Structure formats: C-alpha cells, structure tokens
Amino acid sequence: MFRIGLGAVPFMLPLALQEGLGMSAFQSGAITCASAFGGMFTRVMASRVLRRFGFRQTLYFNAALSGIAIASV
C-alpha cells in the first residue's frame, strides 16, 4: 500500500494543487516540474556529499539542521 501511495504522488499532487489550493493547471504543473528537477538534483548531490563527508557526518549535520528548523517554528 505504501508503494502504491508513493507512486501516486506525481499524479495526485497536481490535482491536489488545482482542486485544493485553487491553482491553475500551469501553476500546478510548474510546481510539479520544479519538484521533479529538485529530486534529480538532490539525487546527484547526495552521492557527492556522502562520498565527500561520509554517511555518519552527513547524518549528524542533517539531524542538527532538521532539529533547528523544527525548533524555529
């Protein structure tokens, strides 16, 4: 069920943006396209960051950054 739900996100996100937030089809598509490009960029950068800093140091930094972001809200 999780895999099905995760696979449906690219199809359901534009619909949710249009129906739920009242965006036009162009605005919804632009956000979805930016998300796809961001995912591709992140995938490329993640391997470089892990090679450069290692998994443990990257995990510590990410946990600290996430904690600061949550605490700031």
PDB file of N, CA and C in Angstrom:
ATOM      1  N   MET A   1       0.826  -1.192   0.000  1.00  0.00           N
ATOM      2  CA  MET A   1       0.000   0.000   0.000  1.00  0.00           C
ATOM      3  C   MET A   1       0.867   1.251   0.000  1.00  0.00           C
ATOM      4  N   PHE A   2       1.967   1.208   0.753  1.00  0.00           N
ATOM      5  CA  PHE A   2       2.850   2.370   0.799  1.00  0.00           C
ATOM      6  C   PHE A   2       3.446   2.651  -0.575  1.00  0.00           C
ATOM      7  N   ARG A   3       3.872   1.604  -1.240  1.00  0.00           N
ATOM      8  CA  ARG A   3       4.476   1.759  -2.571  1.00  0.00           C
ATOM      9  C   ARG A   3       3.460   2.319  -3.573  1.00  0.00           C
ATOM     10  N   ILE A   4       2.239   1.878  -3.497  1.00  0.00           N
ATOM     11  CA  ILE A   4       1.191   2.383  -4.381  1.00  0.00           C
ATOM     12  C   ILE A   4       0.934   3.859  -4.096  1.00  0.00           C
ATOM     13  N   GLY A   5       0.849   4.197  -2.819  1.00  0.00           N
ATOM     14  CA  GLY A   5       0.634   5.597  -2.448  1.00  0.00           C
ATOM     15  C   GLY A   5       1.777   6.489  -2.868  1.00  0.00           C
ATOM     16  N   LEU A   6       3.004   6.006  -2.700  1.00  0.00           N
ATOM     17  CA  LEU A   6       4.169   6.793  -3.098  1.00  0.00           C
ATOM     18  C   LEU A   6       4.229   6.964  -4.612  1.00  0.00           C
ATOM     19  N   GLY A   7       3.857   5.939  -5.343  1.00  0.00           N
ATOM     20  CA  GLY A   7       3.855   6.011  -6.798  1.00  0.00           C
ATOM     21  C   GLY A   7       2.765   6.925  -7.341  1.00  0.00           C
ATOM     22  N   ALA A   8       1.729   7.183  -6.546  1.00  0.00           N
ATOM     23  CA  ALA A   8       0.622   8.025  -6.999  1.00  0.00           C
ATOM     24  C   ALA A   8       0.883   9.511  -6.792  1.00  0.00           C
ATOM     25  N   VAL A   9       1.916   9.854  -6.029  1.00  0.00           N
ATOM     26  CA  VAL A   9       2.180  11.263  -5.714  1.00  0.00           C
ATOM     27  C   VAL A   9       2.355  12.123  -6.965  1.00  0.00           C
ATOM     28  N   PRO A  10       3.140  11.720  -7.976  1.00  0.00           N
ATOM     29  CA  PRO A  10       3.285  12.592  -9.151  1.00  0.00           C
ATOM     30  C   PRO A  10       1.974  12.846  -9.885  1.00  0.00           C
ATOM     31  N   PHE A  11       1.029  11.941  -9.759  1.00  0.00           N
ATOM     32  CA  PHE A  11      -0.251  12.108 -10.436  1.00  0.00           C
ATOM     33  C   PHE A  11      -1.260  12.863  -9.580  1.00  0.00           C
ATOM     34  N   MET A  12      -1.187  12.681  -8.279  1.00  0.00           N
ATOM     35  CA  MET A  12      -2.160  13.287  -7.378  1.00  0.00           C
ATOM     36  C   MET A  12      -1.771  14.693  -6.934  1.00  0.00           C
ATOM     37  N   LEU A  13      -0.476  15.002  -6.905  1.00  0.00           N
ATOM     38  CA  LEU A  13      -0.042  16.327  -6.466  1.00  0.00           C
ATOM     39  C   LEU A  13      -0.603  17.441  -7.330  1.00  0.00           C
ATOM     40  N   PRO A  14      -0.529  17.366  -8.664  1.00  0.00           N
ATOM     41  CA  PRO A  14      -1.111  18.447  -9.469  1.00  0.00           C
ATOM     42  C   PRO A  14      -2.620  18.591  -9.248  1.00  0.00           C
ATOM     43  N   LEU A  15      -3.302  17.479  -9.101  1.00  0.00           N
ATOM     44  CA  LEU A  15      -4.738  17.530  -8.853  1.00  0.00           C
ATOM     45  C   LEU A  15      -5.033  18.173  -7.503  1.00  0.00           C
ATOM     46  N   ALA A  16      -4.259  17.824  -6.492  1.00  0.00           N
ATOM     47  CA  ALA A  16      -4.458  18.411  -5.169  1.00  0.00           C
ATOM     48  C   ALA A  16      -4.166  19.912  -5.191  1.00  0.00           C
ATOM     49  N   LEU A  17      -3.147  20.325  -5.930  1.00  0.00           N
ATOM     50  CA  LEU A  17      -2.830  21.752  -6.017  1.00  0.00           C
ATOM     51  C   LEU A  17      -3.939  22.518  -6.737  1.00  0.00           C
ATOM     52  N   GLN A  18      -4.506  21.911  -7.768  1.00  0.00           N
ATOM     53  CA  GLN A  18      -5.561  22.584  -8.522  1.00  0.00           C
ATOM     54  C   GLN A  18      -6.863  22.628  -7.738  1.00  0.00           C
ATOM     55  N   GLU A  19      -7.269  21.505  -7.222  1.00  0.00           N
ATOM     56  CA  GLU A  19      -8.567  21.428  -6.539  1.00  0.00           C
ATOM     57  C   GLU A  19      -8.511  21.995  -5.124  1.00  0.00           C
ATOM     58  N   GLY A  20      -7.470  21.659  -4.399  1.00  0.00           N
ATOM     59  CA  GLY A  20      -7.381  22.068  -3.003  1.00  0.00           C
ATOM     60  C   GLY A  20      -6.966  23.512  -2.799  1.00  0.00           C
ATOM     61  N   LEU A  21      -6.019  23.974  -3.609  1.00  0.00           N
ATOM     62  CA  LEU A  21      -5.493  25.325  -3.429  1.00  0.00           C
ATOM     63  C   LEU A  21      -5.953  26.304  -4.501  1.00  0.00           C
ATOM     64  N   GLY A  22      -6.717  25.827  -5.471  1.00  0.00           N
ATOM     65  CA  GLY A  22      -7.272  26.704  -6.490  1.00  0.00           C
ATOM     66  C   GLY A  22      -6.255  27.222  -7.503  1.00  0.00           C
ATOM     67  N   MET A  23      -5.183  26.493  -7.722  1.00  0.00           N
ATOM     68  CA  MET A  23      -4.175  26.921  -8.698  1.00  0.00           C
ATOM     69  C   MET A  23      -4.627  26.570 -10.105  1.00  0.00           C
ATOM     70  N   SER A  24      -4.052  27.274 -11.072  1.00  0.00           N
ATOM     71  CA  SER A  24      -4.323  26.933 -12.463  1.00  0.00           C
ATOM     72  C   SER A  24      -3.505  25.699 -12.837  1.00  0.00           C
ATOM     73  N   ALA A  25      -3.817  25.129 -13.994  1.00  0.00           N
ATOM     74  CA  ALA A  25      -3.086  23.950 -14.453  1.00  0.00           C
ATOM     75  C   ALA A  25      -1.618  24.291 -14.698  1.00  0.00           C
ATOM     76  N   PHE A  26      -1.340  25.491 -15.187  1.00  0.00           N
ATOM     77  CA  PHE A  26       0.048  25.893 -15.435  1.00  0.00           C
ATOM     78  C   PHE A  26       0.819  26.019 -14.127  1.00  0.00           C
ATOM     79  N   GLN A  27       0.235  26.670 -13.134  1.00  0.00           N
ATOM     80  CA  GLN A  27       0.906  26.827 -11.837  1.00  0.00           C
ATOM     81  C   GLN A  27       1.165  25.473 -11.193  1.00  0.00           C
ATOM     82  N   SER A  28       0.185  24.615 -11.244  1.00  0.00           N
ATOM     83  CA  SER A  28       0.323  23.285 -10.675  1.00  0.00           C
ATOM     84  C   SER A  28       1.416  22.488 -11.390  1.00  0.00           C
ATOM     85  N   GLY A  29       1.433  22.571 -12.702  1.00  0.00           N
ATOM     86  CA  GLY A  29       2.461  21.877 -13.476  1.00  0.00           C
ATOM     87  C   GLY A  29       3.844  22.436 -13.232  1.00  0.00           C
ATOM     88  N   ALA A  30       3.946  23.750 -13.061  1.00  0.00           N
ATOM     89  CA  ALA A  30       5.254  24.361 -12.792  1.00  0.00           C
ATOM     90  C   ALA A  30       5.808  23.883 -11.454  1.00  0.00           C
ATOM     91  N   ILE A  31       4.972  23.796 -10.445  1.00  0.00           N
ATOM     92  CA  ILE A  31       5.421  23.310  -9.142  1.00  0.00           C
ATOM     93  C   ILE A  31       5.823  21.842  -9.223  1.00  0.00           C
ATOM     94  N   THR A  32       5.044  21.051  -9.932  1.00  0.00           N
ATOM     95  CA  THR A  32       5.356  19.631 -10.083  1.00  0.00           C
ATOM     96  C   THR A  32       6.659  19.447 -10.856  1.00  0.00           C
ATOM     97  N   CYS A  33       6.868  20.246 -11.888  1.00  0.00           N
ATOM     98  CA  CYS A  33       8.095  20.171 -12.678  1.00  0.00           C
ATOM     99  C   CYS A  33       9.303  20.581 -11.835  1.00  0.00           C
ATOM    100  N   ALA A  34       9.154  21.640 -11.038  1.00  0.00           N
ATOM    101  CA  ALA A  34      10.244  22.068 -10.165  1.00  0.00           C
ATOM    102  C   ALA A  34      10.571  20.993  -9.136  1.00  0.00           C
ATOM    103  N   SER A  35       9.577  20.296  -8.651  1.00  0.00           N
ATOM    104  CA  SER A  35       9.802  19.206  -7.698  1.00  0.00           C
ATOM    105  C   SER A  35      10.592  18.071  -8.353  1.00  0.00           C
ATOM    106  N   ALA A  36      10.274  17.766  -9.589  1.00  0.00           N
ATOM    107  CA  ALA A  36      10.987  16.703 -10.300  1.00  0.00           C
ATOM    108  C   ALA A  36      12.447  17.087 -10.533  1.00  0.00           C
ATOM    109  N   PHE A  37      12.691  18.320 -10.948  1.00  0.00           N
ATOM    110  CA  PHE A  37      14.075  18.770 -11.153  1.00  0.00           C
ATOM    111  C   PHE A  37      14.841  18.811  -9.833  1.00  0.00           C
ATOM    112  N   GLY A  38      14.171  19.219  -8.771  1.00  0.00           N
ATOM    113  CA  GLY A  38      14.801  19.220  -7.456  1.00  0.00           C
ATOM    114  C   GLY A  38      15.175  17.818  -7.001  1.00  0.00           C
ATOM    115  N   GLY A  39      14.306  16.855  -7.272  1.00  0.00           N
ATOM    116  CA  GLY A  39      14.606  15.467  -6.932  1.00  0.00           C
ATOM    117  C   GLY A  39      15.795  14.920  -7.699  1.00  0.00           C
ATOM    118  N   MET A  40      15.889  15.252  -8.980  1.00  0.00           N
ATOM    119  CA  MET A  40      17.031  14.803  -9.776  1.00  0.00           C
ATOM    120  C   MET A  40      18.326  15.443  -9.292  1.00  0.00           C
ATOM    121  N   PHE A  41      18.274  16.735  -8.967  1.00  0.00           N
ATOM    122  CA  PHE A  41      19.459  17.434  -8.476  1.00  0.00           C
ATOM    123  C   PHE A  41      19.897  16.866  -7.135  1.00  0.00           C
ATOM    124  N   THR A  42      18.938  16.593  -6.267  1.00  0.00           N
ATOM    125  CA  THR A  42      19.250  16.052  -4.946  1.00  0.00           C
ATOM    126  C   THR A  42      19.891  14.674  -5.058  1.00  0.00           C
ATOM    127  N   ARG A  43      19.403  13.875  -5.974  1.00  0.00           N
ATOM    128  CA  ARG A  43      19.960  12.532  -6.149  1.00  0.00           C
ATOM    129  C   ARG A  43      21.423  12.601  -6.573  1.00  0.00           C
ATOM    130  N   VAL A  44      21.756  13.522  -7.458  1.00  0.00           N
ATOM    131  CA  VAL A  44      23.142  13.679  -7.903  1.00  0.00           C
ATOM    132  C   VAL A  44      24.013  14.206  -6.769  1.00  0.00           C
ATOM    133  N   MET A  45      23.502  15.207  -6.054  1.00  0.00           N
ATOM    134  CA  MET A  45      24.292  15.831  -4.992  1.00  0.00           C
ATOM    135  C   MET A  45      24.459  14.912  -3.777  1.00  0.00           C
ATOM    136  N   ALA A  46      23.487  14.070  -3.498  1.00  0.00           N
ATOM    137  CA  ALA A  46      23.567  13.203  -2.325  1.00  0.00           C
ATOM    138  C   ALA A  46      24.760  12.256  -2.417  1.00  0.00           C
ATOM    139  N   SER A  47      24.985  11.685  -3.575  1.00  0.00           N
ATOM    140  CA  SER A  47      26.121  10.767  -3.709  1.00  0.00           C
ATOM    141  C   SER A  47      27.441  11.501  -3.537  1.00  0.00           C
ATOM    142  N   ARG A  48      27.524  12.721  -4.043  1.00  0.00           N
ATOM    143  CA  ARG A  48      28.759  13.505  -3.884  1.00  0.00           C
ATOM    144  C   ARG A  48      28.992  13.894  -2.431  1.00  0.00           C
ATOM    145  N   VAL A  49      27.941  14.314  -1.760  1.00  0.00           N
ATOM    146  CA  VAL A  49      28.068  14.708  -0.354  1.00  0.00           C
ATOM    147  C   VAL A  49      28.454  13.509   0.501  1.00  0.00           C
ATOM    148  N   LEU A  50      27.830  12.370   0.256  1.00  0.00           N
ATOM    149  CA  LEU A  50      28.161  11.180   1.036  1.00  0.00           C
ATOM    150  C   LEU A  50      29.590  10.714   0.783  1.00  0.00           C
ATOM    151  N   ARG A  51      30.052  10.808  -0.443  1.00  0.00           N
ATOM    152  CA  ARG A  51      31.432  10.447  -0.745  1.00  0.00           C
ATOM    153  C   ARG A  51      32.410  11.391  -0.060  1.00  0.00           C
ATOM    154  N   ARG A  52      32.072  12.670  -0.050  1.00  0.00           N
ATOM    155  CA  ARG A  52      32.986  13.685   0.497  1.00  0.00           C
ATOM    156  C   ARG A  52      33.034  13.675   2.017  1.00  0.00           C
ATOM    157  N   PHE A  53      31.868  13.621   2.687  1.00  0.00           N
ATOM    158  CA  PHE A  53      31.815  13.767   4.137  1.00  0.00           C
ATOM    159  C   PHE A  53      31.542  12.464   4.882  1.00  0.00           C
ATOM    160  N   GLY A  54      31.051  11.456   4.207  1.00  0.00           N
ATOM    161  CA  GLY A  54      30.721  10.200   4.866  1.00  0.00           C
ATOM    162  C   GLY A  54      29.288  10.209   5.370  1.00  0.00           C
ATOM    163  N   PHE A  55      28.774   9.018   5.597  1.00  0.00           N
ATOM    164  CA  PHE A  55      27.366   8.880   5.974  1.00  0.00           C
ATOM    165  C   PHE A  55      27.099   9.431   7.365  1.00  0.00           C
ATOM    166  N   ARG A  56      27.951   9.096   8.317  1.00  0.00           N
ATOM    167  CA  ARG A  56      27.713   9.480   9.708  1.00  0.00           C
ATOM    168  C   ARG A  56      27.746  10.994   9.889  1.00  0.00           C
ATOM    169  N   GLN A  57      28.738  11.658   9.333  1.00  0.00           N
ATOM    170  CA  GLN A  57      28.845  13.116   9.473  1.00  0.00           C
ATOM    171  C   GLN A  57      27.674  13.804   8.764  1.00  0.00           C
ATOM    172  N   THR A  58      27.291  13.299   7.614  1.00  0.00           N
ATOM    173  CA  THR A  58      26.146  13.864   6.899  1.00  0.00           C
ATOM    174  C   THR A  58      24.862  13.676   7.702  1.00  0.00           C
ATOM    175  N   LEU A  59      24.706  12.516   8.320  1.00  0.00           N
ATOM    176  CA  LEU A  59      23.530  12.241   9.136  1.00  0.00           C
ATOM    177  C   LEU A  59      23.467  13.161  10.353  1.00  0.00           C
ATOM    178  N   TYR A  60      24.598  13.380  11.026  1.00  0.00           N
ATOM    179  CA  TYR A  60      24.642  14.290  12.173  1.00  0.00           C
ATOM    180  C   TYR A  60      24.273  15.709  11.761  1.00  0.00           C
ATOM    181  N   PHE A  61      24.848  16.176  10.675  1.00  0.00           N
ATOM    182  CA  PHE A  61      24.572  17.532  10.210  1.00  0.00           C
ATOM    183  C   PHE A  61      23.098  17.687   9.835  1.00  0.00           C
ATOM    184  N   ASN A  62      22.557  16.708   9.135  1.00  0.00           N
ATOM    185  CA  ASN A  62      21.157  16.756   8.723  1.00  0.00           C
ATOM    186  C   ASN A  62      20.233  16.729   9.938  1.00  0.00           C
ATOM    187  N   ALA A  63      20.560  15.910  10.940  1.00  0.00           N
ATOM    188  CA  ALA A  63      19.737  15.843  12.151  1.00  0.00           C
ATOM    189  C   ALA A  63      19.769  17.183  12.894  1.00  0.00           C
ATOM    190  N   ALA A  64      20.945  17.801  12.994  1.00  0.00           N
ATOM    191  CA  ALA A  64      21.044  19.096  13.667  1.00  0.00           C
ATOM    192  C   ALA A  64      20.290  20.166  12.898  1.00  0.00           C
ATOM    193  N   LEU A  65      20.434  20.180  11.600  1.00  0.00           N
ATOM    194  CA  LEU A  65      19.736  21.167  10.779  1.00  0.00           C
ATOM    195  C   LEU A  65      18.221  20.977  10.855  1.00  0.00           C
ATOM    196  N   SER A  66      17.763  19.737  10.833  1.00  0.00           N
ATOM    197  CA  SER A  66      16.329  19.470  10.953  1.00  0.00           C
ATOM    198  C   SER A  66      15.802  19.875  12.331  1.00  0.00           C
ATOM    199  N   GLY A  67      16.576  19.611  13.373  1.00  0.00           N
ATOM    200  CA  GLY A  67      16.182  20.000  14.722  1.00  0.00           C
ATOM    201  C   GLY A  67      16.063  21.501  14.872  1.00  0.00           C
ATOM    202  N   ILE A  68      16.994  22.230  14.288  1.00  0.00           N
ATOM    203  CA  ILE A  68      16.939  23.701  14.323  1.00  0.00           C
ATOM    204  C   ILE A  68      15.729  24.205  13.562  1.00  0.00           C
ATOM    205  N   ALA A  69      15.457  23.601  12.418  1.00  0.00           N
ATOM    206  CA  ALA A  69      14.303  24.031  11.614  1.00  0.00           C
ATOM    207  C   ALA A  69      13.001  23.764  12.353  1.00  0.00           C
ATOM    208  N   ILE A  70      12.888  22.637  13.012  1.00  0.00           N
ATOM    209  CA  ILE A  70      11.663  22.312  13.766  1.00  0.00           C
ATOM    210  C   ILE A  70      11.534  23.224  14.969  1.00  0.00           C
ATOM    211  N   ALA A  71      12.640  23.492  15.647  1.00  0.00           N
ATOM    212  CA  ALA A  71      12.593  24.344  16.840  1.00  0.00           C
ATOM    213  C   ALA A  71      12.257  25.794  16.500  1.00  0.00           C
ATOM    214  N   SER A  72      12.579  26.208  15.282  1.00  0.00           N
ATOM    215  CA  SER A  72      12.336  27.597  14.902  1.00  0.00           C
ATOM    216  C   SER A  72      10.865  27.886  14.579  1.00  0.00           C
ATOM    217  N   VAL A  73      10.095  26.833  14.392  1.00  0.00           N
ATOM    218  CA  VAL A  73       8.678  27.036  14.038  1.00  0.00           C
ATOM    219  C   VAL A  73       7.845  27.265  15.209  1.00  0.00           C
TER     220      VAL A  73
END
